[in-house]
Amino acid sequence: QNPACVYLCDPVLGDNGKLYVPHESVEIYRDQVVEHANIVTPNQFEAETLSGISIKSLADACRVADWFHGKGVQKVVISSVVFPDD
C-alpha cells in the first residue's frame, strides 16, 4: 500500500429503494471494501443499506457517518438525502 494514496469509495449499489447489484455485493462492500476507504460517498439508500440505519433526520445521518467512521473511514459524504418532512 502507498500511504500517500487516498482511496475514495463510491459504493454504486442502488438508489430509490432498489439495488442495482446482487445482495452479495452489499455484504462485500460492507465487510471488505469500506474499511479500506479514506472517503466514502454513498447516496442515502446506499448509506442506509450498508449501515443498517434508516436516515430520517440529521441525527440519523450523523449516526450513519459515525458507523462509517467506526469502520475506519475518515470522511463521509452522504448524497441525495431526503428527510420525511422535506
C-alpha atoms as a PDB file:
ATOM      1  CA  GLN A   1       0.000   0.000   0.000  1.00  0.00           C
ATOM      2  CA  ASN A   2       1.054   3.538  -0.718  1.00  0.00           C
ATOM      3  CA  PRO A   3       0.366   5.710   2.370  1.00  0.00           C
ATOM      4  CA  ALA A   4       0.236   8.796   0.142  1.00  0.00           C
ATOM      5  CA  CYS A   5      -2.638   7.313  -1.858  1.00  0.00           C
ATOM      6  CA  VAL A   6      -6.192   8.360  -0.951  1.00  0.00           C
ATOM      7  CA  TYR A   7      -8.932   5.822  -1.632  1.00  0.00           C
ATOM      8  CA  LEU A   8     -12.360   7.279  -2.378  1.00  0.00           C
ATOM      9  CA  CYS A   9     -15.130   4.686  -2.480  1.00  0.00           C
ATOM     10  CA  ASP A  10     -18.404   5.472  -4.206  1.00  0.00           C
ATOM     11  CA  PRO A  11     -20.402   2.320  -3.481  1.00  0.00           C
ATOM     12  CA  VAL A  12     -22.699   2.260  -6.503  1.00  0.00           C
ATOM     13  CA  LEU A  13     -25.185  -0.260  -5.128  1.00  0.00           C
ATOM     14  CA  GLY A  14     -28.577   1.274  -5.851  1.00  0.00           C
ATOM     15  CA  ASP A  15     -30.962   4.154  -5.272  1.00  0.00           C
ATOM     16  CA  ASN A  16     -34.610   4.930  -4.557  1.00  0.00           C
ATOM     17  CA  GLY A  17     -35.066   1.774  -2.508  1.00  0.00           C
ATOM     18  CA  LYS A  18     -33.748  -0.575  -5.191  1.00  0.00           C
ATOM     19  CA  LEU A  19     -30.447  -2.424  -5.544  1.00  0.00           C
ATOM     20  CA  TYR A  20     -28.656  -2.327  -8.912  1.00  0.00           C
ATOM     21  CA  VAL A  21     -26.432  -5.235  -7.883  1.00  0.00           C
ATOM     22  CA  PRO A  22     -26.861  -8.659  -6.268  1.00  0.00           C
ATOM     23  CA  HIS A  23     -27.316  -8.509  -2.477  1.00  0.00           C
ATOM     24  CA  GLU A  24     -23.970 -10.301  -2.051  1.00  0.00           C
ATOM     25  CA  SER A  25     -22.273  -7.113  -3.314  1.00  0.00           C
ATOM     26  CA  VAL A  26     -23.666  -5.221  -0.307  1.00  0.00           C
ATOM     27  CA  GLU A  27     -22.005  -7.697   2.037  1.00  0.00           C
ATOM     28  CA  ILE A  28     -18.692  -7.435   0.181  1.00  0.00           C
ATOM     29  CA  TYR A  29     -18.710  -3.629   0.325  1.00  0.00           C
ATOM     30  CA  ARG A  30     -19.803  -3.601   3.986  1.00  0.00           C
ATOM     31  CA  ASP A  31     -17.436  -6.306   5.217  1.00  0.00           C
ATOM     32  CA  GLN A  32     -14.385  -5.962   2.943  1.00  0.00           C
ATOM     33  CA  VAL A  33     -14.262  -2.761   0.904  1.00  0.00           C
ATOM     34  CA  VAL A  34     -15.430   0.164   3.060  1.00  0.00           C
ATOM     35  CA  GLU A  35     -12.780  -0.383   5.733  1.00  0.00           C
ATOM     36  CA  HIS A  36     -10.039   0.394   3.195  1.00  0.00           C
ATOM     37  CA  ALA A  37     -11.533   3.719   2.084  1.00  0.00           C
ATOM     38  CA  ASN A  38     -10.363   7.117   3.276  1.00  0.00           C
ATOM     39  CA  ILE A  39     -13.507   8.756   1.888  1.00  0.00           C
ATOM     40  CA  VAL A  40     -16.938   7.282   1.060  1.00  0.00           C
ATOM     41  CA  THR A  41     -19.666   8.954  -0.990  1.00  0.00           C
ATOM     42  CA  PRO A  42     -22.813   6.832  -0.743  1.00  0.00           C
ATOM     43  CA  ASN A  43     -26.250   8.137  -1.543  1.00  0.00           C
ATOM     44  CA  GLN A  44     -28.904   7.873   1.168  1.00  0.00           C
ATOM     45  CA  PHE A  45     -30.109   4.425   0.066  1.00  0.00           C
ATOM     46  CA  GLU A  46     -26.555   3.050  -0.088  1.00  0.00           C
ATOM     47  CA  ALA A  47     -25.635   4.540   3.292  1.00  0.00           C
ATOM     48  CA  GLU A  48     -28.759   3.045   4.884  1.00  0.00           C
ATOM     49  CA  THR A  49     -28.208  -0.320   3.194  1.00  0.00           C
ATOM     50  CA  LEU A  50     -24.567  -0.589   4.240  1.00  0.00           C
ATOM     51  CA  SER A  51     -25.029   0.657   7.814  1.00  0.00           C
ATOM     52  CA  GLY A  52     -28.440  -0.832   8.563  1.00  0.00           C
ATOM     53  CA  ILE A  53     -29.546   2.567   9.906  1.00  0.00           C
ATOM     54  CA  SER A  54     -32.537   4.443   8.422  1.00  0.00           C
ATOM     55  CA  ILE A  55     -31.917   8.135   7.807  1.00  0.00           C
ATOM     56  CA  LYS A  56     -34.984  10.121   8.832  1.00  0.00           C
ATOM     57  CA  SER A  57     -33.221  13.108  10.436  1.00  0.00           C
ATOM     58  CA  LEU A  58     -29.897  14.898  10.608  1.00  0.00           C
ATOM     59  CA  ALA A  59     -29.147  12.965  13.813  1.00  0.00           C
ATOM     60  CA  ASP A  60     -29.673   9.688  11.927  1.00  0.00           C
ATOM     61  CA  ALA A  61     -27.344  10.855   9.154  1.00  0.00           C
ATOM     62  CA  CYS A  62     -24.723  11.625  11.791  1.00  0.00           C
ATOM     63  CA  ARG A  63     -25.175   8.126  13.257  1.00  0.00           C
ATOM     64  CA  VAL A  64     -24.598   6.648   9.791  1.00  0.00           C
ATOM     65  CA  ALA A  65     -21.464   8.786   9.378  1.00  0.00           C
ATOM     66  CA  ASP A  66     -20.286   7.532  12.777  1.00  0.00           C
ATOM     67  CA  TRP A  67     -20.867   3.959  11.585  1.00  0.00           C
ATOM     68  CA  PHE A  68     -18.549   4.607   8.625  1.00  0.00           C
ATOM     69  CA  HIS A  69     -16.011   6.294  10.936  1.00  0.00           C
ATOM     70  CA  GLY A  70     -16.120   3.172  13.097  1.00  0.00           C
ATOM     71  CA  LYS A  71     -15.075   1.198  10.004  1.00  0.00           C
ATOM     72  CA  GLY A  72     -12.011   3.451   9.682  1.00  0.00           C
ATOM     73  CA  VAL A  73     -13.334   5.878   7.064  1.00  0.00           C
ATOM     74  CA  GLN A  74     -12.043   9.426   7.621  1.00  0.00           C
ATOM     75  CA  LYS A  75     -14.590  11.414   5.590  1.00  0.00           C
ATOM     76  CA  VAL A  76     -18.196  10.630   4.717  1.00  0.00           C
ATOM     77  CA  VAL A  77     -20.353  12.472   2.183  1.00  0.00           C
ATOM     78  CA  ILE A  78     -23.928  11.189   2.001  1.00  0.00           C
ATOM     79  CA  SER A  79     -25.689  12.478  -1.106  1.00  0.00           C
ATOM     80  CA  SER A  80     -29.335  12.717  -2.154  1.00  0.00           C
ATOM     81  CA  VAL A  81     -30.644  12.805   1.427  1.00  0.00           C
ATOM     82  CA  VAL A  82     -34.366  13.438   1.793  1.00  0.00           C
ATOM     83  CA  PHE A  83     -35.910  13.703   5.252  1.00  0.00           C
ATOM     84  CA  PRO A  84     -39.582  12.691   5.668  1.00  0.00           C
ATOM     85  CA  ASP A  85     -40.712  16.294   6.290  1.00  0.00           C
ATOM     86  CA  ASP A  86     -38.903  17.662   3.182  1.00  0.00           C
END
